[in-house]
């Protein structure tokens, strides 16, 4: 299980500030796609290109080019580039 905190319009789009993804491991880009699939909107407004992933160890990256695998038990935060103040 990977815990994903959704900030800004990502949380609004998926209807929750935190979602749990049932997976042993996920590529960061796939994680964003799985969260997008939960969205109640046709176009949730966030993608692997305009979302910052912050991992509990302090690492931050854009999933489109990261090639980073996230594993069960990790906590991550998704931050849209346009998240407001």
PDB file of N, CA and C in Angstrom:
ATOM      1  N   UNK A   1       0.847  -1.172   0.000  1.00  0.00           N
ATOM      2  CA  UNK A   1       0.000   0.000   0.000  1.00  0.00           C
ATOM      3  C   UNK A   1       0.899   1.243   0.000  1.00  0.00           C
ATOM      4  N   UNK A   2       0.643   2.146  -0.930  1.00  0.00           N
ATOM      5  CA  UNK A   2       1.372   3.405  -1.003  1.00  0.00           C
ATOM      6  C   UNK A   2       0.391   4.522  -0.652  1.00  0.00           C
ATOM      7  N   UNK A   3       0.736   5.324   0.335  1.00  0.00           N
ATOM      8  CA  UNK A   3      -0.113   6.421   0.777  1.00  0.00           C
ATOM      9  C   UNK A   3       0.235   7.682  -0.013  1.00  0.00           C
ATOM     10  N   UNK A   4      -0.789   8.300  -0.611  1.00  0.00           N
ATOM     11  CA  UNK A   4      -0.578   9.475  -1.459  1.00  0.00           C
ATOM     12  C   UNK A   4      -1.400  10.644  -0.920  1.00  0.00           C
ATOM     13  N   UNK A   5      -0.716  11.684  -0.473  1.00  0.00           N
ATOM     14  CA  UNK A   5      -1.384  12.916  -0.044  1.00  0.00           C
ATOM     15  C   UNK A   5      -1.537  13.791  -1.283  1.00  0.00           C
ATOM     16  N   UNK A   6      -2.740  14.278  -1.517  1.00  0.00           N
ATOM     17  CA  UNK A   6      -3.061  15.029  -2.726  1.00  0.00           C
ATOM     18  C   UNK A   6      -3.338  16.488  -2.375  1.00  0.00           C
ATOM     19  N   UNK A   7      -2.446  17.378  -2.785  1.00  0.00           N
ATOM     20  CA  UNK A   7      -2.597  18.798  -2.485  1.00  0.00           C
ATOM     21  C   UNK A   7      -3.325  19.535  -3.609  1.00  0.00           C
ATOM     22  N   UNK A   8      -3.873  20.697  -3.251  1.00  0.00           N
ATOM     23  CA  UNK A   8      -4.504  21.575  -4.234  1.00  0.00           C
ATOM     24  C   UNK A   8      -5.619  20.912  -5.020  1.00  0.00           C
ATOM     25  N   UNK A   9      -5.649  21.219  -6.304  1.00  0.00           N
ATOM     26  CA  UNK A   9      -6.746  20.719  -7.135  1.00  0.00           C
ATOM     27  C   UNK A   9      -6.661  19.213  -7.382  1.00  0.00           C
ATOM     28  N   UNK A  10      -5.541  18.583  -7.060  1.00  0.00           N
ATOM     29  CA  UNK A  10      -5.475  17.125  -7.185  1.00  0.00           C
ATOM     30  C   UNK A  10      -6.420  16.495  -6.168  1.00  0.00           C
ATOM     31  N   UNK A  11      -6.379  16.967  -4.925  1.00  0.00           N
ATOM     32  CA  UNK A  11      -7.286  16.465  -3.893  1.00  0.00           C
ATOM     33  C   UNK A  11      -8.735  16.730  -4.230  1.00  0.00           C
ATOM     34  N   UNK A  12      -9.002  17.918  -4.768  1.00  0.00           N
ATOM     35  CA  UNK A  12     -10.369  18.255  -5.176  1.00  0.00           C
ATOM     36  C   UNK A  12     -10.830  17.324  -6.293  1.00  0.00           C
ATOM     37  N   UNK A  13      -9.962  17.084  -7.240  1.00  0.00           N
ATOM     38  CA  UNK A  13     -10.292  16.243  -8.388  1.00  0.00           C
ATOM     39  C   UNK A  13     -10.616  14.802  -7.995  1.00  0.00           C
ATOM     40  N   UNK A  14      -9.836  14.244  -7.058  1.00  0.00           N
ATOM     41  CA  UNK A  14     -10.068  12.853  -6.666  1.00  0.00           C
ATOM     42  C   UNK A  14     -11.044  12.729  -5.498  1.00  0.00           C
ATOM     43  N   UNK A  15     -11.426  13.858  -4.906  1.00  0.00           N
ATOM     44  CA  UNK A  15     -12.416  13.842  -3.835  1.00  0.00           C
ATOM     45  C   UNK A  15     -11.869  13.446  -2.481  1.00  0.00           C
ATOM     46  N   UNK A  16     -10.544  13.519  -2.322  1.00  0.00           N
ATOM     47  CA  UNK A  16      -9.945  13.144  -1.049  1.00  0.00           C
ATOM     48  C   UNK A  16      -8.550  13.758  -0.943  1.00  0.00           C
ATOM     49  N   UNK A  17      -8.162  14.104   0.266  1.00  0.00           N
ATOM     50  CA  UNK A  17      -6.817  14.645   0.491  1.00  0.00           C
ATOM     51  C   UNK A  17      -5.770  13.538   0.563  1.00  0.00           C
ATOM     52  N   UNK A  18      -6.193  12.315   0.855  1.00  0.00           N
ATOM     53  CA  UNK A  18      -5.283  11.174   0.930  1.00  0.00           C
ATOM     54  C   UNK A  18      -5.934   9.980   0.254  1.00  0.00           C
ATOM     55  N   UNK A  19      -5.159   9.296  -0.588  1.00  0.00           N
ATOM     56  CA  UNK A  19      -5.625   8.046  -1.194  1.00  0.00           C
ATOM     57  C   UNK A  19      -4.588   6.968  -0.923  1.00  0.00           C
ATOM     58  N   UNK A  20      -5.057   5.751  -0.853  1.00  0.00           N
ATOM     59  CA  UNK A  20      -4.181   4.599  -0.653  1.00  0.00           C
ATOM     60  C   UNK A  20      -4.196   3.775  -1.936  1.00  0.00           C
ATOM     61  N   UNK A  21      -3.024   3.522  -2.493  1.00  0.00           N
ATOM     62  CA  UNK A  21      -2.928   2.707  -3.697  1.00  0.00           C
ATOM     63  C   UNK A  21      -2.417   1.327  -3.309  1.00  0.00           C
ATOM     64  N   UNK A  22      -3.180   0.320  -3.653  1.00  0.00           N
ATOM     65  CA  UNK A  22      -2.828  -1.050  -3.327  1.00  0.00           C
ATOM     66  C   UNK A  22      -1.832  -1.565  -4.358  1.00  0.00           C
ATOM     67  N   UNK A  23      -0.554  -1.483  -4.018  1.00  0.00           N
ATOM     68  CA  UNK A  23       0.509  -1.939  -4.913  1.00  0.00           C
ATOM     69  C   UNK A  23       1.769  -2.195  -4.107  1.00  0.00           C
ATOM     70  N   UNK A  24       2.518  -3.204  -4.511  1.00  0.00           N
ATOM     71  CA  UNK A  24       3.817  -3.460  -3.874  1.00  0.00           C
ATOM     72  C   UNK A  24       4.845  -2.445  -4.346  1.00  0.00           C
ATOM     73  N   UNK A  25       4.763  -2.082  -5.634  1.00  0.00           N
ATOM     74  CA  UNK A  25       5.647  -1.057  -6.176  1.00  0.00           C
ATOM     75  C   UNK A  25       5.000  -0.460  -7.426  1.00  0.00           C
ATOM     76  N   UNK A  26       5.297   0.793  -7.672  1.00  0.00           N
ATOM     77  CA  UNK A  26       4.776   1.509  -8.839  1.00  0.00           C
ATOM     78  C   UNK A  26       5.828   2.489  -9.324  1.00  0.00           C
ATOM     79  N   UNK A  27       5.974   2.579 -10.623  1.00  0.00           N
ATOM     80  CA  UNK A  27       6.764   3.650 -11.196  1.00  0.00           C
ATOM     81  C   UNK A  27       6.036   4.951 -10.873  1.00  0.00           C
ATOM     82  N   UNK A  28       6.770   6.023 -10.642  1.00  0.00           N
ATOM     83  CA  UNK A  28       6.160   7.299 -10.254  1.00  0.00           C
ATOM     84  C   UNK A  28       5.159   7.793 -11.296  1.00  0.00           C
ATOM     85  N   UNK A  29       5.466   7.626 -12.581  1.00  0.00           N
ATOM     86  CA  UNK A  29       4.530   8.051 -13.625  1.00  0.00           C
ATOM     87  C   UNK A  29       3.239   7.241 -13.558  1.00  0.00           C
ATOM     88  N   UNK A  30       3.356   5.939 -13.286  1.00  0.00           N
ATOM     89  CA  UNK A  30       2.178   5.083 -13.152  1.00  0.00           C
ATOM     90  C   UNK A  30       1.369   5.475 -11.911  1.00  0.00           C
ATOM     91  N   UNK A  31       2.045   5.869 -10.838  1.00  0.00           N
ATOM     92  CA  UNK A  31       1.348   6.321  -9.640  1.00  0.00           C
ATOM     93  C   UNK A  31       0.451   7.514  -9.975  1.00  0.00           C
ATOM     94  N   UNK A  32       0.982   8.481 -10.707  1.00  0.00           N
ATOM     95  CA  UNK A  32       0.181   9.645 -11.094  1.00  0.00           C
ATOM     96  C   UNK A  32      -0.999   9.202 -11.958  1.00  0.00           C
ATOM     97  N   UNK A  33      -0.778   8.274 -12.882  1.00  0.00           N
ATOM     98  CA  UNK A  33      -1.869   7.791 -13.735  1.00  0.00           C
ATOM     99  C   UNK A  33      -2.938   7.072 -12.920  1.00  0.00           C
ATOM    100  N   UNK A  34      -2.535   6.318 -11.907  1.00  0.00           N
ATOM    101  CA  UNK A  34      -3.517   5.631 -11.044  1.00  0.00           C
ATOM    102  C   UNK A  34      -4.353   6.637 -10.264  1.00  0.00           C
ATOM    103  N   UNK A  35      -3.717   7.718  -9.789  1.00  0.00           N
ATOM    104  CA  UNK A  35      -4.473   8.760  -9.075  1.00  0.00           C
ATOM    105  C   UNK A  35      -5.400   9.480 -10.048  1.00  0.00           C
ATOM    106  N   UNK A  36      -4.926   9.766 -11.261  1.00  0.00           N
ATOM    107  CA  UNK A  36      -5.784  10.389 -12.285  1.00  0.00           C
ATOM    108  C   UNK A  36      -7.023   9.528 -12.553  1.00  0.00           C
ATOM    109  N   UNK A  37      -6.868   8.219 -12.539  1.00  0.00           N
ATOM    110  CA  UNK A  37      -7.974   7.304 -12.815  1.00  0.00           C
ATOM    111  C   UNK A  37      -9.055   7.374 -11.740  1.00  0.00           C
ATOM    112  N   UNK A  38      -8.685   7.803 -10.539  1.00  0.00           N
ATOM    113  CA  UNK A  38      -9.649   7.946  -9.443  1.00  0.00           C
ATOM    114  C   UNK A  38     -10.492   9.212  -9.618  1.00  0.00           C
ATOM    115  N   UNK A  39      -9.969  10.168 -10.370  1.00  0.00           N
ATOM    116  CA  UNK A  39     -10.617  11.476 -10.528  1.00  0.00           C
ATOM    117  C   UNK A  39     -12.067  11.361 -10.978  1.00  0.00           C
ATOM    118  N   UNK A  40     -12.860  12.280 -10.500  1.00  0.00           N
ATOM    119  CA  UNK A  40     -14.267  12.355 -10.877  1.00  0.00           C
ATOM    120  C   UNK A  40     -14.461  13.233 -12.120  1.00  0.00           C
ATOM    121  N   UNK A  41     -13.376  13.807 -12.619  1.00  0.00           N
ATOM    122  CA  UNK A  41     -13.437  14.723 -13.754  1.00  0.00           C
ATOM    123  C   UNK A  41     -12.895  14.046 -15.016  1.00  0.00           C
ATOM    124  N   UNK A  42     -13.418  14.444 -16.182  1.00  0.00           N
ATOM    125  CA  UNK A  42     -12.900  13.909 -17.445  1.00  0.00           C
ATOM    126  C   UNK A  42     -11.448  14.315 -17.652  1.00  0.00           C
ATOM    127  N   UNK A  43     -11.128  15.564 -17.339  1.00  0.00           N
ATOM    128  CA  UNK A  43      -9.752  16.056 -17.418  1.00  0.00           C
ATOM    129  C   UNK A  43      -9.385  16.615 -16.054  1.00  0.00           C
ATOM    130  N   UNK A  44      -8.699  15.829 -15.233  1.00  0.00           N
ATOM    131  CA  UNK A  44      -8.407  16.262 -13.869  1.00  0.00           C
ATOM    132  C   UNK A  44      -7.411  17.415 -13.767  1.00  0.00           C
ATOM    133  N   UNK A  45      -6.728  17.771 -14.861  1.00  0.00           N
ATOM    134  CA  UNK A  45      -5.856  18.933 -14.845  1.00  0.00           C
ATOM    135  C   UNK A  45      -4.459  18.693 -14.313  1.00  0.00           C
ATOM    136  N   UNK A  46      -4.116  17.466 -13.977  1.00  0.00           N
ATOM    137  CA  UNK A  46      -2.751  17.170 -13.560  1.00  0.00           C
ATOM    138  C   UNK A  46      -2.269  15.936 -14.312  1.00  0.00           C
ATOM    139  N   UNK A  47      -0.995  15.937 -14.617  1.00  0.00           N
ATOM    140  CA  UNK A  47      -0.381  14.838 -15.366  1.00  0.00           C
ATOM    141  C   UNK A  47       0.995  14.539 -14.778  1.00  0.00           C
ATOM    142  N   UNK A  48       1.654  13.557 -15.342  1.00  0.00           N
ATOM    143  CA  UNK A  48       3.011  13.244 -14.903  1.00  0.00           C
ATOM    144  C   UNK A  48       3.990  14.345 -15.294  1.00  0.00           C
ATOM    145  N   UNK A  49       3.566  15.275 -16.141  1.00  0.00           N
ATOM    146  CA  UNK A  49       4.429  16.366 -16.588  1.00  0.00           C
ATOM    147  C   UNK A  49       4.296  17.639 -15.745  1.00  0.00           C
ATOM    148  N   UNK A  50       3.151  17.829 -15.082  1.00  0.00           N
ATOM    149  CA  UNK A  50       2.939  19.073 -14.338  1.00  0.00           C
ATOM    150  C   UNK A  50       2.658  18.835 -12.853  1.00  0.00           C
ATOM    151  N   UNK A  51       3.199  17.733 -12.343  1.00  0.00           N
ATOM    152  CA  UNK A  51       2.997  17.366 -10.943  1.00  0.00           C
ATOM    153  C   UNK A  51       4.350  17.057 -10.312  1.00  0.00           C
ATOM    154  N   UNK A  52       4.548  17.569  -9.125  1.00  0.00           N
ATOM    155  CA  UNK A  52       5.763  17.293  -8.368  1.00  0.00           C
ATOM    156  C   UNK A  52       5.454  16.183  -7.366  1.00  0.00           C
ATOM    157  N   UNK A  53       6.330  15.185  -7.292  1.00  0.00           N
ATOM    158  CA  UNK A  53       6.187  14.114  -6.315  1.00  0.00           C
ATOM    159  C   UNK A  53       7.230  14.342  -5.226  1.00  0.00           C
ATOM    160  N   UNK A  54       6.768  14.393  -3.994  1.00  0.00           N
ATOM    161  CA  UNK A  54       7.649  14.537  -2.839  1.00  0.00           C
ATOM    162  C   UNK A  54       7.572  13.236  -2.037  1.00  0.00           C
ATOM    163  N   UNK A  55       8.701  12.579  -1.870  1.00  0.00           N
ATOM    164  CA  UNK A  55       8.759  11.316  -1.136  1.00  0.00           C
ATOM    165  C   UNK A  55       9.147  11.615   0.304  1.00  0.00           C
ATOM    166  N   UNK A  56       8.719  10.777   1.218  1.00  0.00           N
ATOM    167  CA  UNK A  56       8.932  11.011   2.641  1.00  0.00           C
ATOM    168  C   UNK A  56      10.398  11.251   3.015  1.00  0.00           C
ATOM    169  N   UNK A  57      11.335  10.769   2.212  1.00  0.00           N
ATOM    170  CA  UNK A  57      12.746  10.984   2.523  1.00  0.00           C
ATOM    171  C   UNK A  57      13.246  12.356   2.066  1.00  0.00           C
ATOM    172  N   UNK A  58      12.351  13.163   1.492  1.00  0.00           N
ATOM    173  CA  UNK A  58      12.704  14.510   1.075  1.00  0.00           C
ATOM    174  C   UNK A  58      13.025  14.652  -0.397  1.00  0.00           C
ATOM    175  N   UNK A  59      13.092  13.538  -1.112  1.00  0.00           N
ATOM    176  CA  UNK A  59      13.350  13.583  -2.549  1.00  0.00           C
ATOM    177  C   UNK A  59      12.125  14.153  -3.253  1.00  0.00           C
ATOM    178  N   UNK A  60      12.364  15.036  -4.220  1.00  0.00           N
ATOM    179  CA  UNK A  60      11.279  15.620  -4.998  1.00  0.00           C
ATOM    180  C   UNK A  60      11.647  15.537  -6.473  1.00  0.00           C
ATOM    181  N   UNK A  61      10.658  15.218  -7.312  1.00  0.00           N
ATOM    182  CA  UNK A  61      10.923  15.085  -8.736  1.00  0.00           C
ATOM    183  C   UNK A  61       9.631  15.159  -9.538  1.00  0.00           C
ATOM    184  N   UNK A  62       9.786  15.372 -10.839  1.00  0.00           N
ATOM    185  CA  UNK A  62       8.668  15.302 -11.773  1.00  0.00           C
ATOM    186  C   UNK A  62       8.658  13.873 -12.309  1.00  0.00           C
ATOM    187  N   UNK A  63       7.550  13.151 -12.176  1.00  0.00           N
ATOM    188  CA  UNK A  63       7.536  11.737 -12.526  1.00  0.00           C
ATOM    189  C   UNK A  63       7.789  11.416 -13.999  1.00  0.00           C
ATOM    190  N   UNK A  64       7.538  12.343 -14.902  1.00  0.00           N
ATOM    191  CA  UNK A  64       7.686  12.059 -16.332  1.00  0.00           C
ATOM    192  C   UNK A  64       9.105  11.639 -16.690  1.00  0.00           C
ATOM    193  N   UNK A  65      10.092  12.190 -16.027  1.00  0.00           N
ATOM    194  CA  UNK A  65      11.455  11.871 -16.388  1.00  0.00           C
ATOM    195  C   UNK A  65      12.249  11.190 -15.293  1.00  0.00           C
ATOM    196  N   UNK A  66      11.604  10.823 -14.219  1.00  0.00           N
ATOM    197  CA  UNK A  66      12.335  10.354 -13.048  1.00  0.00           C
ATOM    198  C   UNK A  66      12.791   8.897 -13.138  1.00  0.00           C
ATOM    199  N   UNK A  67      11.954   8.031 -13.680  1.00  0.00           N
ATOM    200  CA  UNK A  67      12.286   6.621 -13.670  1.00  0.00           C
ATOM    201  C   UNK A  67      12.430   6.088 -12.252  1.00  0.00           C
ATOM    202  N   UNK A  68      11.647   6.614 -11.351  1.00  0.00           N
ATOM    203  CA  UNK A  68      11.740   6.296  -9.913  1.00  0.00           C
ATOM    204  C   UNK A  68      10.621   5.344  -9.527  1.00  0.00           C
ATOM    205  N   UNK A  69      10.949   4.279  -8.812  1.00  0.00           N
ATOM    206  CA  UNK A  69       9.959   3.324  -8.339  1.00  0.00           C
ATOM    207  C   UNK A  69       9.635   3.612  -6.884  1.00  0.00           C
ATOM    208  N   UNK A  70       8.351   3.629  -6.583  1.00  0.00           N
ATOM    209  CA  UNK A  70       7.871   3.817  -5.215  1.00  0.00           C
ATOM    210  C   UNK A  70       7.391   2.462  -4.711  1.00  0.00           C
ATOM    211  N   UNK A  71       7.604   2.197  -3.430  1.00  0.00           N
ATOM    212  CA  UNK A  71       7.288   0.882  -2.897  1.00  0.00           C
ATOM    213  C   UNK A  71       6.276   0.948  -1.755  1.00  0.00           C
ATOM    214  N   UNK A  72       5.659  -0.186  -1.508  1.00  0.00           N
ATOM    215  CA  UNK A  72       4.653  -0.305  -0.461  1.00  0.00           C
ATOM    216  C   UNK A  72       5.210   0.202   0.866  1.00  0.00           C
ATOM    217  N   UNK A  73       4.396   0.946   1.578  1.00  0.00           N
ATOM    218  CA  UNK A  73       4.785   1.511   2.865  1.00  0.00           C
ATOM    219  C   UNK A  73       5.291   2.939   2.760  1.00  0.00           C
ATOM    220  N   UNK A  74       5.627   3.378   1.554  1.00  0.00           N
ATOM    221  CA  UNK A  74       6.096   4.753   1.395  1.00  0.00           C
ATOM    222  C   UNK A  74       4.917   5.720   1.405  1.00  0.00           C
ATOM    223  N   UNK A  75       5.223   6.930   1.838  1.00  0.00           N
ATOM    224  CA  UNK A  75       4.251   8.015   1.814  1.00  0.00           C
ATOM    225  C   UNK A  75       4.775   9.058   0.847  1.00  0.00           C
ATOM    226  N   UNK A  76       3.909   9.494  -0.062  1.00  0.00           N
ATOM    227  CA  UNK A  76       4.296  10.510  -1.032  1.00  0.00           C
ATOM    228  C   UNK A  76       3.252  11.617  -1.049  1.00  0.00           C
ATOM    229  N   UNK A  77       3.668  12.763  -1.525  1.00  0.00           N
ATOM    230  CA  UNK A  77       2.782  13.916  -1.673  1.00  0.00           C
ATOM    231  C   UNK A  77       2.795  14.312  -3.143  1.00  0.00           C
ATOM    232  N   UNK A  78       1.614  14.512  -3.724  1.00  0.00           N
ATOM    233  CA  UNK A  78       1.507  15.029  -5.080  1.00  0.00           C
ATOM    234  C   UNK A  78       1.169  16.512  -4.999  1.00  0.00           C
ATOM    235  N   UNK A  79       2.008  17.318  -5.647  1.00  0.00           N
ATOM    236  CA  UNK A  79       1.829  18.767  -5.615  1.00  0.00           C
ATOM    237  C   UNK A  79       1.695  19.264  -7.050  1.00  0.00           C
ATOM    238  N   UNK A  80       0.550  19.845  -7.404  1.00  0.00           N
ATOM    239  CA  UNK A  80       0.433  20.389  -8.756  1.00  0.00           C
ATOM    240  C   UNK A  80       1.293  21.653  -8.872  1.00  0.00           C
ATOM    241  N   UNK A  81       1.847  21.874 -10.060  1.00  0.00           N
ATOM    242  CA  UNK A  81       2.682  23.070 -10.250  1.00  0.00           C
ATOM    243  C   UNK A  81       1.910  24.345  -9.927  1.00  0.00           C
ATOM    244  N   UNK A  82       0.633  24.376 -10.260  1.00  0.00           N
ATOM    245  CA  UNK A  82      -0.198  25.551  -9.965  1.00  0.00           C
ATOM    246  C   UNK A  82      -1.065  25.253  -8.760  1.00  0.00           C
ATOM    247  N   UNK A  83      -0.456  25.269  -7.571  1.00  0.00           N
ATOM    248  CA  UNK A  83      -1.180  24.859  -6.367  1.00  0.00           C
ATOM    249  C   UNK A  83      -1.651  26.015  -5.505  1.00  0.00           C
ATOM    250  N   UNK A  84      -1.359  27.234  -5.882  1.00  0.00           N
ATOM    251  CA  UNK A  84      -1.813  28.381  -5.079  1.00  0.00           C
ATOM    252  C   UNK A  84      -0.882  28.637  -3.907  1.00  0.00           C
ATOM    253  N   UNK A  85      -1.260  29.603  -3.095  1.00  0.00           N
ATOM    254  CA  UNK A  85      -0.395  30.035  -1.998  1.00  0.00           C
ATOM    255  C   UNK A  85      -0.518  29.205  -0.821  1.00  0.00           C
TER     256      UNK A  85
END
